[in-house]
Amino acid sequence: MGSDAQLPVLSPRDAFAIIVLSAVGAHLVFKRWEPKKLRVVTFLLFLVPACLSTLLLPHFGTALGLTVGFLTYWTALTLSIVFYRVGPLHPLYQYPGPLPAKISKWWHVWHVQQGKQHLYLQQLHDKYGDIVRIGPNEVSIRDPACITPVLGAQGMPKSDMFLGRNMWPETAPLIGYRDPAEHTKRRKPWNRAFSSASVKEFEPIIQHRVHQLVEALSDRQGQVVDLAEWISFFTYDFMGDMVFGGWTEMMRDGADKGGLWDLLRRGLTVSALWGEVPWVSYYAKKLPWTAQDNKAMRVMAFSRTEQRYASGSASKDLFYYLSNEDGSEKVSPPRNIVIGDGLLALVAGSDTTATVVANMMYELLRHPAAYRRLQEEVDKFYPRGEDSLDPKHIKDMHYLEAVINEGLRMYPAVPSGSVRAPEVGKGGKIAGPYYIPEGTQTRIHFWSVQRDARNFSFPETFWPERWLIAEGIEPAPAGEKLVHNPNAFTPFSFGPYNCVGKNIALAEMKQLLCHLVHKLDVRFADGVDPDAFDRASEDRFIYVVGELPVVVERRD
């Protein structure tokens, strides 16, 4: 062959055909393997079209040829993805939902960023029904018959959403483990820590911090205080005691002087977004401002952990079990695992309990008759002069339990649920009347399930009496037929991944509400719009509340 021989030049039509077919091929690669490594993504999105664009250079020149080649490739790739996602070949084609959500997950991410995901999904269920397609490969379910098939022991494993929420993959906390066997193994010390017998040992810690909160509020008698903020101070101080034998003193200081609260709240907002698009987190975690927060949190947690190891256990706190001080395991876990689990306990036990109790107080203040009835029950069991920090009567206080159940029904701590997905390669799953294809992100939307009139009468009304009627403790109102589906009530999630701290959370809530209403009268501050509290509340994976300005008065 002569030195002046040239490669054949394809016609523009053939060149465009090759570029388009290559883009469709790239779509198939993304769909099948979902590559996350930057070099693979860069190869498919940039290197491939760069090479293919050379086919157009003889016809358009260098600059225009590259531009047209890239635009053709990216347009074909985008159209291939869109047509597949909205077309009949997609396995979720039969499930209704807004068109933008079917095309791109970023539609849902935008609503998550607004902090009103729980209300948005409720509106979608009201419009489309009990199953709604909320992403290209994701559904939300409102049918309580699906709770066990999705969340139960024989249900679905956790989805990769938890990979996006895990800030430190090398030290994944309990909530980040998707493998059922590994999760069961890691959960053992938590189960020991939060057994009924262990919770009994934690009562002095609860009583000390509850007393401190009520005294701090009493000292501010007649002043306007943000009750939601003070309840958060209480839960952080309490969980600091529970996890590390002491950490923060927010109630003493009247502020978060160490910056822990703000740091964790920022982390919640970011991780809620990353959980919706886990692949983004692989790159976003490397951003300077993200890495800075992560480093600050790790430094604080490491320092506190070292102090706790050095001081030993004055009492059997959670750290006692997580670090294997009880000697139940043959091999103690490495410190980085203890740090990760300790931080998980601090966040999960602080913000969740604080928001639930704040919402209960908000509803009690909006419904004075319910507040008075609760106070009357507390006064009945704890007359003036009796110590309401002594939990001996708590188990007999039915209205207190009804108030807590009603608060948990209306304001589940994780309103938009925990996401599961049938494992890829093992086929789909049947959930109630629905077939869920493998790999489909599936959530039970607790907020919608627990506010569905088919499950609970007057679902948008705070009515603790419903629980007493359902238990046969008091009769239903004349002419009313109570709708009450206990299978639709899952405030602590369900199945093997449910909230391991349920027992301690309930003990904490009961003790706090009992002592608070026994010692104090609480009312909205003058001029406050009660609805402002509700409007300010947000879904950041866990429920986050706004300010609750109140005035307190001592009762004795």
Protein backbone atom coordinates (compact mmCIF):
# COMPACT_ATOMS: atom_id res chain seq x y z
CA MET A 1 0.00 0.00 0.00
CA GLY A 2 1.35 3.47 -0.94
CA SER A 3 2.31 5.97 1.69
CA ASP A 4 -0.32 8.36 0.40
CA ALA A 5 -3.16 5.88 0.91
CA GLN A 6 -6.03 7.20 3.05
CA LEU A 7 -8.66 5.54 5.17
CA PRO A 8 -12.09 5.56 3.55
CA VAL A 9 -14.31 8.47 4.49
CA LEU A 10 -17.77 7.53 5.70
CA SER A 11 -20.74 9.41 4.42
CA PRO A 12 -22.36 11.82 6.90
CA ARG A 13 -25.36 9.49 7.14
CA ASP A 14 -23.22 6.47 8.03
CA ALA A 15 -21.15 8.52 10.48
CA PHE A 16 -24.26 9.80 12.25
CA ALA A 17 -25.69 6.26 12.33
CA ILE A 18 -22.57 4.92 14.04
CA ILE A 19 -22.62 7.76 16.58
CA VAL A 20 -26.31 7.22 17.37
CA LEU A 21 -25.94 3.43 17.69
CA SER A 22 -22.92 3.90 19.94
CA ALA A 23 -24.94 6.23 22.16
CA VAL A 24 -27.69 3.61 22.43
CA GLY A 25 -25.00 1.08 23.31
CA ALA A 26 -23.72 3.39 26.04
CA HIS A 27 -27.26 3.58 27.41
CA LEU A 28 -27.36 -0.21 27.59
CA VAL A 29 -24.06 -0.23 29.48
CA PHE A 30 -25.35 2.34 31.98
CA LYS A 31 -28.60 0.42 32.39
CA ARG A 32 -27.00 -2.98 32.86
CA TRP A 33 -23.97 -2.18 35.04
CA GLU A 34 -24.65 1.31 36.41
CA PRO A 35 -20.94 2.20 36.48
CA LYS A 36 -19.92 4.63 39.21
CA LYS A 37 -16.16 4.88 38.82
CA LEU A 38 -15.20 8.23 37.38
CA ARG A 39 -12.90 6.80 34.72
CA VAL A 40 -15.64 4.55 33.32
CA VAL A 41 -18.20 7.36 33.27
CA THR A 42 -15.65 9.69 31.66
CA PHE A 43 -14.88 7.07 29.01
CA LEU A 44 -18.54 6.60 28.08
CA LEU A 45 -19.56 10.26 28.18
CA PHE A 46 -16.48 11.97 26.76
CA LEU A 47 -13.83 9.71 25.27
CA VAL A 48 -16.23 7.65 23.15
CA PRO A 49 -17.95 10.68 21.54
CA ALA A 50 -14.56 12.35 21.07
CA CYS A 51 -13.32 9.39 19.05
CA LEU A 52 -16.56 9.06 17.10
CA SER A 53 -16.59 12.75 16.27
CA THR A 54 -13.51 12.22 14.09
CA LEU A 55 -15.83 10.53 11.59
CA LEU A 56 -17.40 13.94 10.95
CA LEU A 57 -14.19 15.96 10.62
CA PRO A 58 -13.84 15.46 6.83
CA HIS A 59 -17.34 16.90 6.36
CA PHE A 60 -17.48 19.70 8.96
CA GLY A 61 -13.94 20.54 9.93
CA THR A 62 -12.39 20.14 13.36
CA ALA A 63 -14.33 22.60 15.55
CA LEU A 64 -17.76 22.05 14.01
CA GLY A 65 -17.20 18.32 13.60
CA LEU A 66 -16.38 17.86 17.28
CA THR A 67 -19.33 20.04 18.32
CA VAL A 68 -21.81 18.22 16.09
CA GLY A 69 -20.40 14.82 17.06
CA PHE A 70 -20.69 15.45 20.80
CA LEU A 71 -24.17 16.97 20.49
CA THR A 72 -25.37 14.06 18.35
CA TYR A 73 -24.01 11.48 20.79
CA TRP A 74 -25.37 13.17 23.90
CA THR A 75 -28.76 13.87 22.27
CA ALA A 76 -29.09 10.26 21.12
CA LEU A 77 -28.08 9.00 24.57
CA THR A 78 -30.62 11.28 26.26
CA LEU A 79 -33.44 10.35 23.88
CA SER A 80 -32.66 6.65 24.23
CA ILE A 81 -32.92 6.95 28.01
CA VAL A 82 -36.11 9.04 27.91
CA PHE A 83 -37.93 6.83 25.37
CA TYR A 84 -37.06 3.72 27.35
CA ARG A 85 -38.15 5.17 30.68
CA VAL A 86 -41.54 6.38 29.44
CA GLY A 87 -42.14 3.54 26.98
CA PRO A 88 -43.88 0.17 27.33
CA LEU A 89 -40.59 -1.76 27.53
CA HIS A 90 -39.83 -0.33 30.97
CA PRO A 91 -40.82 -2.78 33.76
CA LEU A 92 -42.59 0.02 35.70
CA TYR A 93 -44.55 1.25 32.68
CA GLN A 94 -47.92 0.18 34.14
CA TYR A 95 -47.52 2.21 37.33
CA PRO A 96 -48.80 5.81 37.24
CA GLY A 97 -46.86 8.89 38.23
CA PRO A 98 -45.87 12.35 37.02
CA LEU A 99 -44.08 12.29 33.66
CA PRO A 100 -41.02 14.27 34.83
CA ALA A 101 -40.48 11.76 37.64
CA LYS A 102 -40.47 8.87 35.15
CA ILE A 103 -37.86 10.63 33.03
CA SER A 104 -35.41 11.74 35.71
CA LYS A 105 -34.76 11.23 39.41
CA TRP A 106 -33.76 14.88 39.59
CA TRP A 107 -37.45 15.82 39.56
CA HIS A 108 -37.88 14.09 42.90
CA VAL A 109 -34.57 15.44 44.19
CA TRP A 110 -35.89 18.95 43.65
CA HIS A 111 -38.86 18.20 45.93
CA VAL A 112 -36.56 16.61 48.52
CA GLN A 113 -34.44 19.76 48.49
CA GLN A 114 -37.56 21.79 49.29
CA GLY A 115 -37.98 19.80 52.50
CA LYS A 116 -41.60 18.90 51.74
CA GLN A 117 -41.14 15.45 50.28
CA HIS A 118 -43.64 13.94 52.75
CA LEU A 119 -46.43 16.27 51.58
CA TYR A 120 -45.49 15.93 47.91
CA LEU A 121 -45.70 12.13 48.07
CA GLN A 122 -48.99 12.32 49.95
CA GLN A 123 -50.39 14.52 47.17
CA LEU A 124 -49.15 12.04 44.55
CA HIS A 125 -50.86 9.15 46.32
CA ASP A 126 -54.09 11.12 46.58
CA LYS A 127 -53.91 11.75 42.82
CA TYR A 128 -52.56 8.48 41.42
CA GLY A 129 -53.46 5.83 44.01
CA ASP A 130 -51.71 3.42 46.35
CA ILE A 131 -48.65 2.88 44.17
CA VAL A 132 -46.92 5.76 42.40
CA ARG A 133 -43.85 5.80 40.23
CA ILE A 134 -41.74 8.59 41.72
CA GLY A 135 -38.53 7.97 39.80
CA PRO A 136 -37.31 6.15 36.70
CA ASN A 137 -36.75 3.07 38.85
CA GLU A 138 -38.62 3.86 42.07
CA VAL A 139 -42.12 3.47 43.49
CA SER A 140 -43.86 4.76 46.61
CA ILE A 141 -46.56 2.59 48.20
CA ARG A 142 -49.45 3.58 50.48
CA ASP A 143 -50.99 0.11 50.92
CA PRO A 144 -50.47 -1.38 54.43
CA ALA A 145 -50.78 -4.86 52.92
CA CYS A 146 -47.34 -4.24 51.39
CA ILE A 147 -45.57 -3.48 54.67
CA THR A 148 -44.65 -7.07 55.52
CA PRO A 149 -43.67 -8.12 51.94
CA VAL A 150 -41.43 -5.06 51.60
CA LEU A 151 -40.03 -4.56 55.12
CA GLY A 152 -40.53 -7.94 56.79
CA ALA A 153 -38.04 -10.73 57.45
CA GLN A 154 -38.71 -12.28 54.03
CA GLY A 155 -38.98 -8.92 52.34
CA MET A 156 -36.49 -6.83 50.40
CA PRO A 157 -32.94 -5.82 51.34
CA LYS A 158 -31.99 -2.19 51.75
CA SER A 159 -31.50 -0.25 48.54
CA ASP A 160 -28.35 1.58 47.51
CA MET A 161 -29.94 4.76 48.88
CA PHE A 162 -28.15 3.94 52.12
CA LEU A 163 -24.81 4.05 50.32
CA GLY A 164 -25.52 7.67 49.46
CA ARG A 165 -26.36 8.51 53.06
CA ASN A 166 -23.26 6.87 54.48
CA MET A 167 -20.73 9.64 55.04
CA TRP A 168 -17.88 7.24 55.85
CA PRO A 169 -18.09 4.03 53.76
CA GLU A 170 -15.06 2.50 55.49
CA THR A 171 -16.79 2.77 58.90
CA ALA A 172 -20.40 2.18 57.99
CA PRO A 173 -22.72 2.38 61.02
CA LEU A 174 -25.45 -0.17 61.64
CA ILE A 175 -27.99 1.61 59.44
CA GLY A 176 -25.60 1.45 56.46
CA TYR A 177 -25.38 -2.36 56.35
CA ARG A 178 -27.43 -3.86 53.52
CA ASP A 179 -26.40 -7.49 53.88
CA PRO A 180 -28.97 -9.15 56.20
CA ALA A 181 -26.47 -11.53 57.81
CA GLU A 182 -23.93 -8.79 58.51
CA HIS A 183 -26.68 -6.49 59.78
CA THR A 184 -27.93 -9.17 62.18
CA LYS A 185 -24.40 -9.68 63.48
CA ARG A 186 -23.78 -5.96 63.96
CA ARG A 187 -27.15 -5.47 65.64
CA LYS A 188 -26.50 -7.90 68.51
CA PRO A 189 -24.86 -5.40 70.89
CA TRP A 190 -27.63 -2.91 70.13
CA ASN A 191 -30.26 -5.52 71.02
CA ARG A 192 -28.52 -6.17 74.34
CA ALA A 193 -28.27 -2.44 75.04
CA PHE A 194 -31.94 -1.75 74.36
CA SER A 195 -33.54 -4.84 75.86
CA SER A 196 -36.28 -4.24 78.41
CA ALA A 197 -33.89 -5.10 81.25
CA SER A 198 -31.21 -2.71 79.99
CA VAL A 199 -33.68 0.13 79.51
CA LYS A 200 -34.58 -0.26 83.18
CA GLU A 201 -30.93 0.46 84.01
CA PHE A 202 -31.07 3.65 81.93
CA GLU A 203 -33.93 5.15 83.98
CA PRO A 204 -31.65 7.21 86.27
CA ILE A 205 -30.06 8.87 83.22
CA ILE A 206 -33.50 9.69 81.81
CA GLN A 207 -34.73 11.05 85.14
CA HIS A 208 -31.67 13.25 85.62
CA ARG A 209 -31.98 14.88 82.21
CA VAL A 210 -35.79 15.23 82.36
CA HIS A 211 -35.46 16.98 85.73
CA GLN A 212 -32.79 19.27 84.29
CA LEU A 213 -35.02 20.26 81.35
CA VAL A 214 -38.05 21.04 83.51
CA GLU A 215 -35.90 23.07 85.91
CA ALA A 216 -34.34 25.01 83.03
CA LEU A 217 -37.79 25.84 81.67
CA SER A 218 -39.02 26.76 85.16
CA ASP A 219 -36.13 29.20 85.53
CA ARG A 220 -37.43 30.94 82.40
CA GLN A 221 -40.98 31.24 83.74
CA GLY A 222 -42.91 34.02 82.06
CA GLN A 223 -40.35 34.37 79.25
CA VAL A 224 -40.85 33.32 75.65
CA VAL A 225 -38.82 30.18 75.00
CA ASP A 226 -38.51 27.96 71.95
CA LEU A 227 -39.82 24.69 73.37
CA ALA A 228 -38.71 22.70 70.31
CA GLU A 229 -35.15 23.94 70.76
CA TRP A 230 -35.09 23.06 74.46
CA ILE A 231 -36.45 19.59 73.79
CA SER A 232 -33.60 19.14 71.30
CA PHE A 233 -31.14 20.31 73.95
CA PHE A 234 -32.58 17.65 76.24
CA THR A 235 -32.35 14.81 73.71
CA TYR A 236 -28.78 15.68 72.69
CA ASP A 237 -27.63 15.88 76.31
CA PHE A 238 -29.41 12.64 77.13
CA MET A 239 -28.03 10.75 74.12
CA GLY A 240 -24.56 12.10 74.85
CA ASP A 241 -24.88 10.48 78.28
CA MET A 242 -26.34 7.32 76.79
CA VAL A 243 -23.75 6.86 74.07
CA PHE A 244 -20.49 8.23 75.44
CA GLY A 245 -21.14 8.65 79.14
CA GLY A 246 -21.52 12.40 78.60
CA TRP A 247 -20.75 14.83 75.81
CA THR A 248 -22.84 17.98 75.43
CA GLU A 249 -24.32 20.26 78.11
CA MET A 250 -26.75 22.25 75.97
CA MET A 251 -29.37 22.59 78.71
CA ARG A 252 -26.77 23.92 81.14
CA ASP A 253 -25.41 26.38 78.58
CA GLY A 254 -28.75 27.24 76.98
CA ALA A 255 -27.06 26.83 73.60
CA ASP A 256 -25.10 24.47 71.38
CA LYS A 257 -21.71 25.96 72.22
CA GLY A 258 -19.75 23.12 70.66
CA GLY A 259 -21.46 23.40 67.28
CA LEU A 260 -22.45 19.72 67.27
CA TRP A 261 -26.13 20.35 66.57
CA ASP A 262 -25.49 22.60 63.57
CA LEU A 263 -22.94 20.19 62.17
CA LEU A 264 -25.30 17.23 62.37
CA ARG A 265 -28.23 19.19 60.95
CA ARG A 266 -26.14 20.20 57.91
CA GLY A 267 -25.18 16.59 57.48
CA LEU A 268 -28.83 15.52 57.57
CA THR A 269 -29.80 17.93 54.80
CA VAL A 270 -26.94 16.84 52.55
CA SER A 271 -27.32 13.11 53.16
CA ALA A 272 -31.06 13.31 52.44
CA LEU A 273 -30.24 14.60 48.96
CA TRP A 274 -27.41 12.16 48.34
CA GLY A 275 -29.61 9.25 49.36
CA GLU A 276 -31.91 10.04 46.44
CA VAL A 277 -29.03 9.99 43.92
CA PRO A 278 -26.38 7.73 45.50
CA TRP A 279 -24.05 7.88 42.51
CA VAL A 280 -23.62 11.63 43.08
CA SER A 281 -22.32 10.99 46.58
CA TYR A 282 -19.30 9.15 45.19
CA TYR A 283 -18.07 12.47 43.83
CA ALA A 284 -19.79 14.98 46.13
CA LYS A 285 -18.10 13.58 49.24
CA LYS A 286 -14.78 14.74 47.83
CA LEU A 287 -15.88 18.39 47.64
CA PRO A 288 -13.91 20.65 50.01
CA TRP A 289 -16.83 21.92 52.09
CA THR A 290 -18.25 18.40 52.44
CA ALA A 291 -14.91 16.93 53.42
CA GLN A 292 -14.46 19.74 55.95
CA ASP A 293 -17.71 18.91 57.77
CA ASN A 294 -16.91 15.20 57.67
CA LYS A 295 -13.47 15.80 59.14
CA ALA A 296 -14.85 18.06 61.88
CA MET A 297 -17.42 15.44 62.84
CA ARG A 298 -14.84 12.67 62.89
CA VAL A 299 -12.45 14.71 65.04
CA MET A 300 -15.20 15.44 67.58
CA ALA A 301 -16.37 11.84 67.66
CA PHE A 302 -12.85 10.41 67.87
CA SER A 303 -11.95 12.74 70.72
CA ARG A 304 -15.05 11.82 72.69
CA THR A 305 -14.51 8.11 72.01
CA GLU A 306 -10.93 8.25 73.28
CA GLN A 307 -12.11 9.99 76.44
CA ARG A 308 -14.75 7.32 76.98
CA TYR A 309 -12.25 4.48 76.48
CA ALA A 310 -9.87 6.15 78.94
CA SER A 311 -12.48 6.82 81.64
CA GLY A 312 -14.19 3.45 81.47
CA SER A 313 -17.84 2.90 82.33
CA ALA A 314 -19.32 4.53 85.39
CA SER A 315 -22.61 2.97 84.31
CA LYS A 316 -23.86 0.66 81.59
CA ASP A 317 -24.37 3.14 78.77
CA LEU A 318 -24.70 2.25 75.08
CA PHE A 319 -20.93 2.51 74.65
CA TYR A 320 -20.58 -0.27 77.23
CA TYR A 321 -22.33 -2.63 74.81
CA LEU A 322 -21.04 -1.26 71.49
CA SER A 323 -17.40 -1.51 72.58
CA ASN A 324 -17.95 -4.99 74.09
CA GLU A 325 -17.16 -3.92 77.64
CA ASP A 326 -19.74 -6.48 78.69
CA GLY A 327 -17.54 -9.21 77.15
CA SER A 328 -20.37 -10.84 75.21
CA GLU A 329 -18.36 -11.08 71.99
CA LYS A 330 -15.11 -13.01 71.54
CA VAL A 331 -13.55 -10.18 69.54
CA SER A 332 -14.17 -6.51 70.33
CA PRO A 333 -15.02 -4.26 67.37
CA PRO A 334 -12.39 -1.81 66.05
CA ARG A 335 -12.67 1.76 67.27
CA ASN A 336 -13.72 3.17 63.91
CA ILE A 337 -16.79 0.92 63.98
CA VAL A 338 -17.63 2.03 67.52
CA ILE A 339 -17.29 5.68 66.45
CA GLY A 340 -19.64 5.15 63.49
CA ASP A 341 -22.26 3.38 65.58
CA GLY A 342 -21.93 5.93 68.37
CA LEU A 343 -22.61 8.82 66.00
CA LEU A 344 -25.55 6.93 64.50
CA ALA A 345 -27.05 6.52 67.98
CA LEU A 346 -26.49 10.18 68.78
CA VAL A 347 -28.28 11.39 65.63
CA ALA A 348 -30.98 8.73 65.52
CA GLY A 349 -31.78 9.06 69.19
CA SER A 350 -31.65 12.85 69.42
CA ASP A 351 -33.36 14.45 66.44
CA THR A 352 -36.03 11.79 66.01
CA THR A 353 -37.20 11.84 69.64
CA ALA A 354 -36.97 15.63 69.83
CA THR A 355 -39.15 16.20 66.77
CA VAL A 356 -41.75 13.65 67.84
CA VAL A 357 -42.07 15.14 71.35
CA ALA A 358 -42.12 18.69 69.98
CA ASN A 359 -44.95 17.71 67.65
CA MET A 360 -46.85 16.10 70.52
CA MET A 361 -46.57 19.28 72.57
CA TYR A 362 -47.61 21.34 69.54
CA GLU A 363 -50.77 19.28 69.12
CA LEU A 364 -51.53 19.34 72.85
CA LEU A 365 -51.26 23.15 72.81
CA ARG A 366 -53.56 23.29 69.79
CA HIS A 367 -56.04 21.01 71.58
CA PRO A 368 -56.40 22.33 75.16
CA ALA A 369 -58.95 19.65 76.07
CA ALA A 370 -56.39 16.93 75.31
CA TYR A 371 -53.75 18.83 77.30
CA ARG A 372 -56.07 19.10 80.30
CA ARG A 373 -57.03 15.44 80.11
CA LEU A 374 -53.39 14.39 80.05
CA GLN A 375 -52.61 16.69 82.96
CA GLU A 376 -55.55 15.30 84.92
CA GLU A 377 -54.34 11.74 84.38
CA VAL A 378 -50.84 12.66 85.52
CA ASP A 379 -52.23 14.43 88.59
CA LYS A 380 -54.35 11.39 89.39
CA PHE A 381 -51.33 9.09 89.56
CA TYR A 382 -48.97 11.73 90.94
CA PRO A 383 -50.84 14.02 93.36
CA ARG A 384 -49.11 17.17 94.58
CA GLY A 385 -45.99 16.19 96.49
CA GLU A 386 -45.49 12.89 94.63
CA ASP A 387 -42.43 12.52 92.43
CA SER A 388 -43.49 12.24 88.79
CA LEU A 389 -39.93 11.22 87.90
CA ASP A 390 -40.64 7.86 89.49
CA PRO A 391 -41.89 5.72 86.57
CA LYS A 392 -43.86 3.30 88.78
CA HIS A 393 -47.25 4.44 87.39
CA ILE A 394 -46.28 5.03 83.76
CA LYS A 395 -47.50 1.62 82.59
CA ASP A 396 -51.00 2.36 83.92
CA MET A 397 -51.37 5.77 82.27
CA HIS A 398 -53.48 4.92 79.23
CA TYR A 399 -54.09 8.46 78.03
CA LEU A 400 -50.38 9.26 78.13
CA GLU A 401 -49.76 6.24 75.92
CA ALA A 402 -52.61 7.30 73.63
CA VAL A 403 -51.10 10.79 73.24
CA ILE A 404 -47.74 9.28 72.32
CA ASN A 405 -49.28 6.84 69.84
CA GLU A 406 -51.27 9.62 68.23
CA GLY A 407 -48.18 11.80 67.96
CA LEU A 408 -46.27 8.95 66.35
CA ARG A 409 -49.16 8.26 63.96
CA MET A 410 -49.38 11.85 62.75
CA TYR A 411 -45.66 12.61 62.82
CA PRO A 412 -43.56 9.50 62.16
CA ALA A 413 -39.89 10.29 62.74
CA VAL A 414 -39.01 9.06 59.24
CA PRO A 415 -42.11 10.23 57.36
CA SER A 416 -41.15 9.11 53.86
CA GLY A 417 -40.05 5.66 54.88
CA SER A 418 -37.01 3.47 54.48
CA VAL A 419 -36.25 2.34 50.94
CA ARG A 420 -35.85 -1.31 49.93
CA ALA A 421 -35.19 -3.01 46.59
CA PRO A 422 -35.47 -6.61 45.35
CA GLU A 423 -31.91 -7.82 44.85
CA VAL A 424 -30.68 -7.67 41.26
CA GLY A 425 -30.20 -11.14 39.82
CA LYS A 426 -32.73 -12.81 42.12
CA GLY A 427 -35.93 -11.75 40.40
CA GLY A 428 -38.74 -9.47 41.44
CA LYS A 429 -41.00 -9.61 44.49
CA ILE A 430 -44.74 -9.64 45.05
CA ALA A 431 -45.88 -6.94 47.47
CA GLY A 432 -49.61 -7.10 48.11
CA PRO A 433 -51.29 -6.80 44.69
CA TYR A 434 -48.16 -5.41 43.02
CA TYR A 435 -45.20 -6.97 41.25
CA ILE A 436 -41.96 -5.15 42.04
CA PRO A 437 -39.21 -5.86 39.46
CA GLU A 438 -35.71 -6.59 40.73
CA GLY A 439 -33.64 -3.53 41.51
CA THR A 440 -36.69 -1.27 41.92
CA GLN A 441 -36.33 1.24 44.75
CA THR A 442 -39.43 0.67 46.90
CA ARG A 443 -40.63 2.74 49.83
CA ILE A 444 -43.61 2.39 52.14
CA HIS A 445 -44.70 6.00 52.64
CA PHE A 446 -45.47 5.95 56.36
CA TRP A 447 -46.84 9.50 56.37
CA SER A 448 -49.52 8.64 53.80
CA VAL A 449 -50.32 5.22 55.24
CA GLN A 450 -50.90 6.62 58.74
CA ARG A 451 -52.96 9.54 57.42
CA ASP A 452 -55.23 7.45 55.20
CA ALA A 453 -58.94 7.49 56.09
CA ARG A 454 -59.16 3.81 55.14
CA ASN A 455 -56.82 3.06 58.05
CA PHE A 456 -57.77 5.66 60.66
CA SER A 457 -60.91 7.73 61.22
CA PHE A 458 -60.37 11.49 60.92
CA PRO A 459 -56.75 10.89 59.86
CA GLU A 460 -55.70 14.56 59.83
CA THR A 461 -57.10 15.19 63.33
CA PHE A 462 -55.13 14.83 66.56
CA TRP A 463 -57.46 12.53 68.51
CA PRO A 464 -55.73 10.40 71.18
CA GLU A 465 -59.05 8.90 72.21
CA ARG A 466 -59.01 6.71 69.10
CA TRP A 467 -56.42 4.49 70.79
CA LEU A 468 -58.52 4.10 73.95
CA ILE A 469 -61.58 3.22 71.88
CA ALA A 470 -59.60 0.68 69.84
CA GLU A 471 -58.38 -0.96 73.07
CA GLY A 472 -61.91 -1.07 74.49
CA ILE A 473 -60.97 1.29 77.33
CA GLU A 474 -63.73 3.72 76.43
CA PRO A 475 -66.71 3.61 74.02
CA ALA A 476 -66.82 5.22 70.60
CA PRO A 477 -68.88 8.41 70.18
CA ALA A 478 -72.55 7.74 69.53
CA GLY A 479 -73.22 7.03 65.88
CA GLU A 480 -69.52 6.78 64.99
CA LYS A 481 -67.84 3.67 63.64
CA LEU A 482 -64.15 3.73 64.41
CA VAL A 483 -61.77 2.88 61.60
CA HIS A 484 -58.55 1.72 63.20
CA ASN A 485 -56.02 -0.48 61.42
CA PRO A 486 -53.14 -1.37 63.76
CA ASN A 487 -51.28 -2.99 60.85
CA ALA A 488 -50.95 0.47 59.29
CA PHE A 489 -49.17 1.85 62.36
CA THR A 490 -45.40 1.46 61.96
CA PRO A 491 -43.79 4.52 63.59
CA PHE A 492 -40.56 2.61 64.30
CA SER A 493 -40.47 0.95 60.87
CA PHE A 494 -40.94 -2.82 60.62
CA GLY A 495 -39.02 -6.05 60.30
CA PRO A 496 -35.34 -6.85 60.91
CA TYR A 497 -34.23 -3.30 60.07
CA ASN A 498 -36.71 -1.60 62.41
CA CYS A 499 -35.68 0.98 65.01
CA VAL A 500 -33.55 -0.85 67.55
CA GLY A 501 -33.97 1.98 70.06
CA LYS A 502 -37.76 1.78 70.25
CA ASN A 503 -37.86 0.81 73.94
CA ILE A 504 -35.60 3.60 75.14
CA ALA A 505 -37.36 6.17 72.92
CA LEU A 506 -40.78 5.30 74.35
CA ALA A 507 -39.47 5.35 77.92
CA GLU A 508 -37.89 8.75 77.27
CA MET A 509 -41.07 10.21 75.73
CA LYS A 510 -43.34 8.95 78.51
CA GLN A 511 -41.08 10.18 81.30
CA LEU A 512 -40.62 13.59 79.67
CA LEU A 513 -44.29 14.28 78.91
CA CYS A 514 -45.41 13.03 82.31
CA HIS A 515 -43.01 15.21 84.30
CA LEU A 516 -43.37 18.24 82.02
CA VAL A 517 -47.16 18.54 82.29
CA HIS A 518 -47.03 17.65 85.99
CA LYS A 519 -44.70 20.53 86.85
CA LEU A 520 -45.54 23.16 84.22
CA ASP A 521 -48.40 24.85 82.45
CA VAL A 522 -47.42 25.61 78.87
CA ARG A 523 -49.16 27.88 76.36
CA PHE A 524 -48.39 29.47 73.02
CA ALA A 525 -46.62 32.81 73.34
CA ASP A 526 -48.81 35.85 72.66
CA GLY A 527 -49.15 36.72 69.00
CA VAL A 528 -47.81 33.39 67.77
CA ASP A 529 -49.40 31.84 64.68
CA PRO A 530 -49.68 28.16 65.67
CA ASP A 531 -49.72 27.08 62.03
CA ALA A 532 -46.26 28.60 61.50
CA PHE A 533 -44.72 25.68 63.38
CA ASP A 534 -46.32 23.17 61.04
CA ARG A 535 -45.38 25.15 57.93
CA ALA A 536 -41.75 25.33 59.01
CA SER A 537 -41.42 21.59 59.55
CA GLU A 538 -39.44 19.67 56.94
CA ASP A 539 -38.70 16.14 55.81
CA ARG A 540 -34.91 15.72 55.79
CA PHE A 541 -35.11 11.92 55.84
CA ILE A 542 -36.04 12.40 59.48
CA TYR A 543 -38.69 14.96 60.40
CA VAL A 544 -37.25 18.35 61.39
CA VAL A 545 -39.41 20.96 63.14
CA GLY A 546 -39.37 24.74 63.29
CA GLU A 547 -39.55 27.07 66.29
CA LEU A 548 -42.24 26.55 68.94
CA PRO A 549 -42.46 29.80 70.98
CA VAL A 550 -44.21 29.19 74.30
CA VAL A 551 -44.54 30.63 77.79
CA VAL A 552 -44.30 28.32 80.80
CA GLU A 553 -45.59 28.74 84.36
CA ARG A 554 -44.82 26.60 87.39
CA ARG A 555 -47.75 24.65 88.81
CA ASP A 556 -46.43 24.38 92.38
